[in-house]
Protein backbone atom coordinates (compact mmCIF):
# COMPACT_ATOMS: atom_id res chain seq x y z
CA PHE A 1 0.00 0.00 0.00
CA HIS A 2 0.92 3.67 -0.34
CA ILE A 3 -1.04 6.31 1.55
CA ARG A 4 -0.53 10.07 1.40
CA PHE A 5 -2.45 12.82 3.15
CA ARG A 6 -1.61 15.71 0.79
CA ASP A 7 -0.64 16.12 -2.85
CA ILE A 8 2.89 17.14 -1.79
CA ALA A 9 3.81 14.32 0.58
CA ARG A 10 6.79 12.36 1.82
CA GLY A 11 7.38 9.30 3.98
CA GLY A 12 9.30 6.06 4.24
CA ILE A 13 8.73 2.72 2.53
CA ARG A 14 8.67 -0.17 5.01
CA ILE A 15 9.18 -3.87 4.24
CA VAL A 16 7.37 -6.12 6.71
CA ARG A 17 8.70 -9.64 7.18
CA SER A 18 6.96 -12.50 8.99
CA SER A 19 8.82 -14.91 11.27
CA HIS A 20 6.27 -17.73 10.89
CA TYR A 21 3.02 -18.43 9.04
CA GLN A 22 0.67 -17.31 11.82
CA ASN A 23 2.69 -14.10 12.10
CA TYR A 24 2.22 -13.62 8.34
CA LEU A 25 -1.56 -14.06 8.67
CA ASN A 26 -1.65 -11.51 11.50
CA ASN A 27 0.48 -9.08 9.50
CA SER A 28 -1.77 -9.59 6.49
CA ASP A 29 -4.84 -8.68 8.56
CA PHE A 30 -3.30 -5.46 9.88
CA ILE A 31 -0.89 -4.26 7.17
CA PHE A 32 -3.26 -1.55 5.95
CA ASP A 33 -3.89 -0.39 9.53
CA GLU A 34 -0.15 -0.25 10.15
CA ASN A 35 0.32 1.73 6.91
CA TYR A 36 -2.47 4.16 7.77
CA GLY A 37 -1.20 4.63 11.33
CA LEU A 38 2.33 5.33 10.10
CA ALA A 39 1.13 7.78 7.42
CA SER A 40 -1.13 9.54 9.92
CA THR A 41 1.76 9.89 12.36
CA GLN A 42 3.89 11.23 9.49
CA GLN A 43 1.20 13.79 8.64
CA ARG A 44 1.28 15.10 12.22
CA LYS A 45 5.06 14.92 12.31
CA ASN A 46 5.40 16.91 9.05
CA LYS A 47 3.09 19.71 10.23
CA ASP A 48 5.74 22.45 10.11
CA LEU A 49 7.25 21.17 6.83
CA PRO A 50 6.10 21.66 3.22
CA ASP A 51 5.54 17.94 2.73
CA GLY A 52 2.40 16.24 3.98
CA GLY A 53 2.59 12.77 5.46
CA SER A 54 2.79 9.56 3.50
CA LYS A 55 4.00 6.02 4.04
CA GLY A 56 4.39 2.84 2.06
CA THR A 57 4.25 -0.75 3.27
CA ILE A 58 5.28 -3.93 1.50
CA LEU A 59 4.23 -7.18 3.17
CA LEU A 60 6.31 -10.05 1.79
CA ARG A 61 4.09 -12.97 0.84
CA TRP A 62 4.68 -16.15 2.87
CA GLY A 63 7.32 -18.25 1.14
CA PHE A 64 9.10 -15.14 -0.24
CA GLN A 65 10.64 -13.73 2.95
CA ASP A 66 14.04 -13.77 1.23
CA GLN A 67 12.90 -11.53 -1.66
CA PRO A 68 12.72 -8.00 -0.16
CA VAL A 69 14.79 -6.34 -2.93
CA ALA A 70 12.70 -7.81 -5.76
CA ALA A 71 9.49 -6.78 -3.96
CA PHE A 72 10.77 -3.24 -3.45
CA LYS A 73 11.77 -2.86 -7.10
CA LYS A 74 8.35 -4.03 -8.28
CA TYR A 75 6.73 -1.61 -5.83
CA ILE A 76 8.74 1.35 -7.17
CA ASP A 77 7.97 0.44 -10.77
CA GLY A 78 4.29 0.19 -9.87
CA LEU A 79 4.34 3.68 -8.39
CA LEU A 80 6.17 5.10 -11.41
CA ASP A 81 3.62 3.44 -13.73
CA LEU A 82 0.92 5.51 -12.03
CA MET A 83 2.95 8.73 -11.71
CA LEU A 84 4.30 9.04 -15.24
CA PRO A 85 2.23 9.96 -18.33
CA ASN A 86 0.96 6.78 -19.93
CA PRO A 87 -1.54 6.54 -22.81
CA ALA A 88 -2.83 3.29 -21.31
CA VAL A 89 -3.88 5.07 -18.10
CA LEU A 90 -6.81 7.49 -17.97
CA ASP A 91 -5.61 10.44 -15.85
CA TYR A 92 -8.39 12.10 -13.86
CA TYR A 93 -5.91 13.92 -11.62
CA GLY A 94 -4.51 16.08 -14.42
CA LYS A 95 -1.50 17.41 -12.51
CA ASP A 96 2.12 16.45 -11.98
CA ILE A 97 2.42 13.91 -9.18
CA ILE A 98 5.22 15.03 -6.89
CA LEU A 99 5.95 12.18 -4.51
CA PHE A 100 8.94 11.79 -2.23
CA LEU A 101 9.94 8.47 -0.65
CA GLY A 102 12.22 7.86 2.29
CA PRO A 103 14.04 4.98 4.00
CA ASP A 104 12.31 2.83 6.58
CA GLU A 105 12.66 -0.71 7.91
CA GLY A 106 14.34 -2.87 5.29
CA THR A 107 14.73 -0.20 2.58
CA ALA A 108 17.51 2.14 3.79
CA ASP A 109 20.03 0.83 1.25
CA LEU A 110 17.57 0.86 -1.68
CA MET A 111 16.93 4.60 -1.95
CA GLU A 112 19.75 5.09 -4.46
CA TRP A 113 18.33 2.42 -6.79
CA ALA A 114 14.86 4.01 -6.66
CA ALA A 115 16.15 7.47 -7.61
CA LEU A 116 18.21 6.09 -10.49
CA ARG A 117 15.22 4.05 -11.67
CA ALA A 118 13.07 7.20 -11.64
CA ARG A 119 15.70 9.02 -13.74
CA GLN A 120 15.89 6.08 -16.16
CA ARG A 121 12.13 6.17 -16.59
CA GLY A 122 12.03 9.94 -17.18
CA TYR A 123 10.60 11.31 -13.92
CA LYS A 124 11.68 14.96 -13.93
CA PHE A 125 11.91 15.23 -10.12
CA TRP A 126 14.07 12.12 -9.85
CA LYS A 127 16.75 13.78 -7.67
CA ALA A 128 14.09 14.43 -5.04
CA PHE A 129 12.18 11.16 -5.53
CA THR A 130 13.98 9.49 -2.62
CA THR A 131 15.71 10.88 0.44
CA GLY A 132 18.28 9.20 2.63
CA LYS A 133 20.35 8.43 -0.47
CA PRO A 134 24.11 7.95 -0.05
CA ALA A 135 26.31 11.03 -0.09
CA SER A 136 27.73 9.83 -3.43
CA MET A 137 24.31 10.72 -4.90
CA GLY A 138 24.04 14.02 -3.03
CA GLY A 139 21.87 12.53 -0.30
CA ILE A 140 22.06 13.44 3.37
CA PRO A 141 21.99 10.10 5.24
CA HIS A 142 20.13 10.48 8.54
CA ASP A 143 22.27 7.94 10.35
CA LEU A 144 25.58 9.56 9.36
CA TYR A 145 24.63 12.85 10.98
CA GLY A 146 22.22 11.52 13.62
CA MET A 147 19.40 13.65 12.21
CA THR A 148 16.49 11.76 13.77
CA THR A 149 18.22 11.39 17.12
CA ARG A 150 18.99 15.11 17.33
CA SER A 151 15.33 16.02 17.68
CA VAL A 152 14.66 13.12 20.09
CA HIS A 153 17.60 14.26 22.21
CA GLU A 154 16.32 17.84 22.37
CA TYR A 155 13.20 16.48 24.09
CA VAL A 156 15.34 14.42 26.48
CA VAL A 157 17.51 17.39 27.42
CA GLY A 158 14.49 19.71 27.61
CA SER A 159 12.61 17.35 29.96
CA LEU A 160 15.64 16.87 32.21
CA GLY A 161 16.15 20.64 32.32
CA LYS A 162 12.56 21.20 33.47
CA LEU A 163 13.09 18.58 36.22
CA GLY A 164 16.42 20.07 37.27
CA LEU A 165 18.32 16.86 36.49
CA LYS A 166 21.81 16.57 35.01
CA GLU A 167 22.07 14.22 32.04
CA GLU A 168 25.32 12.69 33.32
CA LYS A 169 23.58 11.59 36.54
CA ILE A 170 20.44 9.92 35.20
CA THR A 171 19.87 6.28 34.18
CA LYS A 172 18.35 5.18 30.86
CA VAL A 173 17.11 2.07 29.06
CA ILE A 174 16.77 1.64 25.29
CA THR A 175 15.02 -0.65 22.82
CA GLY A 176 16.78 -0.71 19.46
CA GLY A 177 20.46 -1.52 19.35
CA PRO A 178 23.74 0.16 18.44
CA ASP A 179 23.50 -1.37 14.96
CA GLY A 180 20.62 0.94 14.00
CA ASP A 181 20.33 4.64 13.18
CA LEU A 182 18.41 5.76 16.26
CA GLY A 183 20.04 3.37 18.72
CA SER A 184 23.61 4.11 17.65
CA ASN A 185 23.20 7.87 17.60
CA GLU A 186 21.30 7.90 20.92
CA ILE A 187 24.41 6.29 22.43
CA LEU A 188 26.79 8.67 20.65
CA LEU A 189 24.90 11.90 21.43
CA SER A 190 23.95 11.19 25.06
CA LYS A 191 25.92 11.36 28.32
CA ASP A 192 23.68 9.34 30.66
CA LYS A 193 24.08 5.96 32.37
CA ILE A 194 22.61 3.16 30.24
CA LEU A 195 21.36 0.11 32.16
CA ALA A 196 19.75 -2.00 29.44
CA ILE A 197 19.56 -2.33 25.66
CA VAL A 198 17.19 -4.69 23.83
CA ASP A 199 17.91 -5.29 20.13
CA GLY A 200 17.59 -7.95 17.44
CA SER A 201 20.29 -10.12 19.00
CA GLY A 202 18.97 -10.20 22.56
CA VAL A 203 18.98 -8.45 25.93
CA LEU A 204 22.01 -6.67 27.44
CA TYR A 205 21.58 -5.57 31.06
CA ASP A 206 23.73 -4.36 33.94
CA PRO A 207 22.28 -2.60 37.02
CA GLN A 208 25.79 -1.25 37.71
CA VAL A 209 25.73 0.59 34.32
CA LEU A 210 26.91 -0.68 30.95
CA SER A 211 30.36 0.44 29.82
CA ARG A 212 29.80 3.59 27.75
CA LYS A 213 33.19 3.19 26.07
CA GLU A 214 32.18 -0.28 24.86
CA LEU A 215 28.73 0.91 23.76
CA VAL A 216 30.34 3.74 21.78
CA ARG A 217 32.59 1.17 20.08
CA LEU A 218 29.54 -0.86 19.06
CA ALA A 219 27.65 2.24 17.93
CA ARG A 220 30.51 3.44 15.73
CA THR A 221 30.93 0.03 14.13
CA ARG A 222 27.12 -0.53 13.97
CA LYS A 223 27.18 -3.86 15.76
CA MET A 224 24.42 -5.46 17.83
CA VAL A 225 24.79 -5.92 21.58
CA GLU A 226 25.75 -9.58 21.07
CA HIS A 227 29.22 -8.17 20.32
CA PHE A 228 29.47 -6.44 23.71
CA ASP A 229 32.57 -7.59 25.65
CA ARG A 230 31.00 -9.64 28.48
CA LYS A 231 34.13 -9.21 30.63
CA LEU A 232 33.00 -5.59 31.13
CA LEU A 233 29.75 -6.65 32.83
CA SER A 234 29.44 -6.59 36.62
CA LYS A 235 28.52 -9.74 38.58
CA GLU A 236 24.86 -8.75 38.27
CA GLY A 237 25.02 -8.02 34.53
CA PHE A 238 24.08 -10.41 31.73
CA PHE A 239 23.46 -10.88 28.02
CA VAL A 240 20.74 -13.29 26.84
CA HIS A 241 20.85 -14.15 23.14
CA VAL A 242 17.62 -14.77 21.20
CA LYS A 243 18.91 -18.29 20.46
CA ASP A 244 19.61 -19.13 24.10
CA ALA A 245 17.50 -21.64 26.00
CA ASP A 246 17.32 -22.64 29.67
CA VAL A 247 19.59 -19.86 30.98
CA THR A 248 19.97 -18.91 34.65
CA LEU A 249 20.53 -15.19 35.32
CA PRO A 250 22.94 -13.97 38.05
CA ASP A 251 20.05 -13.45 40.50
CA GLY A 252 18.76 -16.98 39.94
CA GLU A 253 15.93 -16.16 37.52
CA ARG A 254 15.41 -18.87 34.87
CA VAL A 255 15.03 -17.96 31.19
CA GLU A 256 13.59 -20.83 29.19
CA ASN A 257 13.48 -19.14 25.77
CA GLY A 258 15.83 -16.32 24.73
CA LEU A 259 13.57 -15.07 21.92
CA GLU A 260 10.55 -14.82 24.20
CA PHE A 261 12.71 -13.12 26.86
CA ARG A 262 13.88 -10.54 24.30
CA ASN A 263 10.34 -9.93 23.01
CA THR A 264 8.98 -9.23 26.50
CA PHE A 265 11.94 -7.72 28.36
CA HIS A 266 10.58 -4.19 27.88
CA LEU A 267 7.86 -5.28 30.35
CA HIS A 268 10.27 -6.99 32.79
CA PRO A 269 10.73 -5.43 36.27
CA LYS A 270 14.47 -5.07 35.57
CA PHE A 271 13.66 -2.76 32.65
CA ALA A 272 13.48 0.43 34.75
CA ALA A 273 15.36 3.75 34.82
CA ASP A 274 14.93 7.52 35.07
CA ILE A 275 14.28 7.72 31.34
CA PHE A 276 13.23 5.37 28.54
CA VAL A 277 13.97 6.10 24.88
CA PRO A 278 12.49 3.49 22.51
CA CYS A 279 14.70 3.51 19.41
CA GLY A 280 13.20 0.39 17.85
CA GLY A 281 10.52 -2.23 18.33
CA ARG A 282 7.20 -3.28 16.87
CA PRO A 283 4.12 -1.02 16.92
CA SER A 284 1.87 -1.31 20.02
CA SER A 285 4.56 -3.03 22.11
CA VAL A 286 3.05 -1.19 25.07
CA ASN A 287 -0.72 -1.02 24.98
CA ILE A 288 -3.85 -0.78 27.15
CA ASN A 289 -3.57 -4.47 28.05
CA ASN A 290 0.00 -4.43 29.36
CA TRP A 291 0.88 -0.84 30.37
CA THR A 292 0.38 -1.66 34.08
CA GLU A 293 3.48 -3.88 33.81
CA TRP A 294 5.36 -0.57 33.95
CA LEU A 295 4.14 0.11 37.51
CA ASP A 296 5.94 -1.10 40.63
CA GLY A 297 4.31 -2.70 43.69
CA GLN A 298 3.20 0.73 44.95
CA GLY A 299 1.66 1.71 41.60
CA ARG A 300 4.50 4.08 40.71
CA PRO A 301 5.80 4.19 37.11
CA ARG A 302 9.25 2.79 36.33
CA PHE A 303 10.25 5.89 34.34
CA LYS A 304 10.18 9.63 35.03
CA VAL A 305 10.45 10.50 31.33
CA ILE A 306 9.65 8.66 28.09
CA VAL A 307 10.68 10.19 24.77
CA GLU A 308 9.51 8.10 21.83
CA GLY A 309 12.13 7.67 19.15
CA ALA A 310 10.48 4.61 17.58
CA ASN A 311 7.16 5.18 15.81
CA LEU A 312 3.98 3.80 17.40
CA PHE A 313 5.87 1.81 20.09
CA ILE A 314 3.27 2.88 22.67
CA THR A 315 -0.44 3.14 21.89
CA GLN A 316 -2.30 6.37 22.62
CA GLN A 317 -4.43 4.71 25.35
CA ALA A 318 -1.30 3.49 27.13
CA ARG A 319 0.34 6.92 26.81
CA LEU A 320 -2.61 8.59 28.52
CA ARG A 321 -2.62 6.09 31.39
CA LEU A 322 1.11 6.60 31.91
CA GLU A 323 0.70 10.38 31.91
CA GLU A 324 -2.05 10.03 34.53
CA LYS A 325 0.58 8.33 36.68
CA GLY A 326 2.90 11.33 36.31
CA VAL A 327 5.21 10.21 33.49
CA ILE A 328 6.51 13.04 31.30
CA LEU A 329 5.86 11.54 27.88
CA TYR A 330 6.60 13.05 24.48
CA LYS A 331 5.16 11.01 21.63
CA ASP A 332 6.74 10.05 18.33
CA ALA A 333 4.90 12.59 16.16
CA SER A 334 6.65 15.40 18.06
CA ALA A 335 9.97 13.91 19.18
CA ASN A 336 10.93 11.83 16.17
CA LYS A 337 10.98 14.44 13.42
CA GLY A 338 14.63 15.32 12.96
CA GLY A 339 14.91 12.88 10.08
CA VAL A 340 11.87 14.24 8.28
CA THR A 341 13.19 17.81 8.62
CA SER A 342 16.50 16.71 7.12
CA SER A 343 14.71 14.89 4.30
CA SER A 344 12.55 17.91 3.55
CA LEU A 345 15.59 20.14 3.14
CA GLU A 346 17.32 17.43 1.09
CA VAL A 347 14.28 17.55 -1.23
CA LEU A 348 14.46 21.35 -1.41
CA SER A 349 18.10 21.29 -2.55
CA ALA A 350 17.26 18.74 -5.25
CA LEU A 351 14.30 20.79 -6.53
CA ALA A 352 16.16 24.13 -6.48
CA MET A 353 19.48 23.15 -8.05
CA THR A 354 20.27 22.13 -11.62
CA ASP A 355 21.77 18.71 -12.21
CA LYS A 356 25.17 20.36 -12.73
CA GLU A 357 24.96 22.44 -9.52
CA PHE A 358 23.74 19.43 -7.56
CA GLU A 359 26.59 17.29 -8.88
CA GLU A 360 29.23 19.92 -8.01
CA LEU A 361 27.91 21.04 -4.63
CA MET A 362 25.92 18.19 -3.05
CA VAL A 363 27.48 15.01 -4.43
CA VAL A 364 30.46 13.62 -2.49
CA ARG A 365 33.17 12.13 -4.71
CA SER A 366 36.31 10.41 -3.37
CA GLY A 367 35.59 11.75 0.10
CA LYS A 368 35.63 15.38 -1.06
CA ILE A 369 32.85 17.43 0.53
CA SER A 370 32.14 20.92 -0.82
CA ASP A 371 32.00 23.88 1.55
CA PHE A 372 28.40 24.39 0.42
CA ARG A 373 27.40 20.89 1.50
CA LYS A 374 29.17 21.22 4.87
CA THR A 375 27.32 24.46 5.59
CA TYR A 376 24.02 23.08 4.30
CA VAL A 377 24.23 20.09 6.67
CA GLU A 378 25.15 22.38 9.60
CA GLU A 379 22.14 24.58 8.85
CA ILE A 380 19.85 21.51 8.67
CA ILE A 381 21.07 20.38 12.10
CA ALA A 382 20.47 23.86 13.51
CA ASP A 383 16.97 23.89 12.02
CA ILE A 384 16.17 20.47 13.53
CA SER A 385 17.25 21.58 17.01
CA ASP A 386 15.40 24.89 16.73
CA ASN A 387 12.13 23.26 15.60
CA ALA A 388 12.35 20.59 18.32
CA ARG A 389 12.95 23.19 21.06
CA ARG A 390 10.03 25.33 19.85
CA GLU A 391 7.60 22.42 19.83
CA PHE A 392 8.87 21.05 23.15
CA GLU A 393 8.30 24.44 24.80
CA VAL A 394 4.80 24.99 23.42
CA ILE A 395 3.69 21.50 24.51
CA TRP A 396 5.17 22.01 27.99
CA ARG A 397 3.61 25.48 28.27
CA GLU A 398 0.16 24.31 27.16
CA ASN A 399 0.30 21.32 29.54
CA VAL A 400 1.06 23.63 32.48
CA ARG A 401 -1.68 26.07 31.40
CA THR A 402 -4.44 23.56 30.67
CA GLY A 403 -3.50 20.27 32.34
CA ILE A 404 -4.20 18.47 29.04
CA PRO A 405 -1.88 15.43 28.61
CA ARG A 406 1.11 16.02 26.37
CA SER A 407 0.10 13.09 24.14
CA ILE A 408 -3.15 14.89 23.32
CA LEU A 409 -1.49 18.31 23.06
CA SER A 410 0.98 16.91 20.53
CA ASP A 411 -1.92 15.94 18.28
CA ARG A 412 -3.86 19.17 18.86
CA ILE A 413 -0.86 21.33 18.01
CA SER A 414 -0.24 19.25 14.89
CA GLU A 415 -3.90 19.54 13.89
CA LYS A 416 -3.95 23.29 14.49
CA ILE A 417 -0.83 23.83 12.39
CA ASN A 418 -2.17 21.56 9.63
CA ASP A 419 -5.55 23.32 9.66
CA ILE A 420 -3.88 26.73 9.37
CA LYS A 421 -1.58 25.38 6.62
CA ASP A 422 -4.62 24.26 4.64
CA SER A 423 -6.38 27.60 5.20
CA ILE A 424 -3.33 29.54 4.02
CA ARG A 425 -2.97 27.35 0.92
CA ALA A 426 -6.64 27.89 0.09
CA SER A 427 -6.42 31.66 0.65
CA SER A 428 -5.12 34.46 -1.57
CA LEU A 429 -2.13 35.12 0.71
CA PHE A 430 0.21 33.50 -1.81
CA GLU A 431 -0.63 36.33 -4.23
CA ASP A 432 1.26 38.74 -1.95
CA LYS A 433 4.59 38.28 -3.71
CA ALA A 434 6.59 40.41 -1.25
CA LEU A 435 5.32 38.27 1.63
CA VAL A 436 6.05 35.07 -0.30
CA ARG A 437 9.62 36.19 -0.99
CA LYS A 438 10.20 36.98 2.67
CA VAL A 439 8.67 33.77 4.03
CA VAL A 440 10.52 31.56 1.53
CA GLU A 441 13.75 33.43 2.25
CA VAL A 442 13.57 32.82 6.01
CA GLY A 443 12.22 29.30 5.50
CA CYS A 444 15.17 28.12 3.38
CA PRO A 445 18.73 27.47 4.57
CA PRO A 446 20.67 30.75 4.17
CA VAL A 447 23.47 29.09 2.19
CA LEU A 448 20.97 28.01 -0.51
CA CYS A 449 19.51 31.52 -0.73
CA ARG A 450 22.99 33.00 -1.07
CA LEU A 451 23.89 30.52 -3.81
CA LEU A 452 20.82 30.98 -6.01
CA GLY A 453 19.26 34.25 -4.90
CA ILE A 454 15.62 34.27 -3.88
CA GLY A 455 14.48 35.10 -7.42
CA ARG A 456 16.00 32.02 -9.04
CA LEU A 457 14.88 29.85 -6.15
CA LEU A 458 11.26 30.97 -6.67
CA GLN A 459 11.55 30.29 -10.42
CA ARG A 460 12.98 26.79 -10.13
CA VAL A 461 10.99 25.19 -7.33
CA PRO A 462 7.52 23.95 -8.43
CA GLU A 463 4.77 26.36 -7.40
CA SER A 464 2.86 23.63 -5.55
CA TYR A 465 5.92 23.02 -3.37
CA LEU A 466 6.45 26.76 -2.80
CA ARG A 467 2.82 27.13 -1.70
CA ALA A 468 3.31 24.27 0.75
CA LEU A 469 6.58 25.74 2.08
CA PHE A 470 4.97 29.19 2.45
CA ALA A 471 1.97 27.82 4.34
CA SER A 472 3.93 25.48 6.61
CA ARG A 473 6.46 28.11 7.66
CA LEU A 474 3.78 30.68 8.54
CA ALA A 475 1.53 28.19 10.33
CA GLY A 476 4.29 26.41 12.27
CA ARG A 477 6.02 29.47 13.66
CA TYR A 478 2.70 31.13 14.45
CA VAL A 479 1.42 28.23 16.60
CA TYR A 480 4.79 27.64 18.29
CA GLU A 481 4.83 31.29 19.37
CA HIS A 482 1.17 31.82 20.30
CA GLY A 483 -0.01 28.32 21.31
CA LEU A 484 -3.46 26.78 20.98
CA GLU A 485 -5.32 29.90 22.14
CA ALA A 486 -4.09 31.93 19.18
CA ASN A 487 -6.84 33.42 17.01
CA GLU A 488 -7.34 35.06 13.62
CA ILE A 489 -6.53 38.54 14.95
CA ASP A 490 -3.22 37.30 16.40
CA PHE A 491 -2.44 35.75 13.03
CA PHE A 492 -3.28 38.94 11.15
CA ASN A 493 -1.09 41.01 13.50
């Protein structure tokens, strides 16, 4: 499936595998729901960006779990069949389809192929068709620069600051290992004490704190926690592999099945700390049926703060129950948007620059990085941090003012920004060319404006994208500054 919420839309393509036949049947029942939920989250996440939300899902048919690349290539060709002019297809839409795809589970290393396939088939926006491409194609890989983690970490630091806690002193647990984008960069960017990591290889745990030096080594080499040097664990620490069976932990607890232990360890009493940052895991891992597992014997929550890096890890019902218990919780649609901000600005550079300019300034050849690209990446990182801080503050402020849970405020702020975006796009405001020039100028990275000049930038970028950029910049900054109580007069002023 592919679902988009606006005509200008961007989101990742996810390949869903099934570990056994019953798992495949379950996935088959819910694959559209998963796709819709992911696209809806993306729509809320992209509120202050030109691109609306979209998402793609590919469920591998049972018996073809080893064919993800072939399935992805067929999927891309299917999309291009619909997007490109074709005398065999009756086109009721009548407009250029501008669609941007991004990396997700199982497709991170296929973005380059998709862009080249789009060029081969004559799609004029091929440079922007996929984001997360390698630097050798002018892409800005999220994992290389920790783009997604940078926004997540702003929420972590912001929450700790409000509580008066020092990052170096607090404890943390993670799902998603040092082999992944979020997990590795959460280790590299943070300074806290990590007690547990759950990843594809198993469960790593030490109540006396895991060696940060060793975790950094794994993160830099992108290796799972099964490669952690066990000699660095305390007497109470352990690693249980998914293939292990009948294991006795240091405290005497028996583990009959390592896979089952891994799949449920996020609900285990040992999985407790000041802060929890899910950086991986299946949707709805914590839900209305099991959220009470996160309470101790006195009914107190195991975590002071939860900042969702992984999408949909906790259901909305479970979030609200946890917030009732006093947990400071920032949901995925707010916290996990550094990557989408980076992708949006990667798209902008591809739309604004000629093939020759893009090749000279954005493409990395033989390790040589242009000064333009270095500055562009720095300005993207600054924009990610600035956006995250603004949204963190408005959610905190509105929660203090109204008492409404942050999980609900996150959605309401997204909805308000999206509603105002749609109103602006439907209005005549875009006819005010002086205003458009100013908004686009402040909404684009300065180095791009200096390179092209605002006039050429306005000429080259498709009008539909400029309208979306104009509306999103005005709406986003307006709501971040004035909050949910803002009205039409405030907007006019």
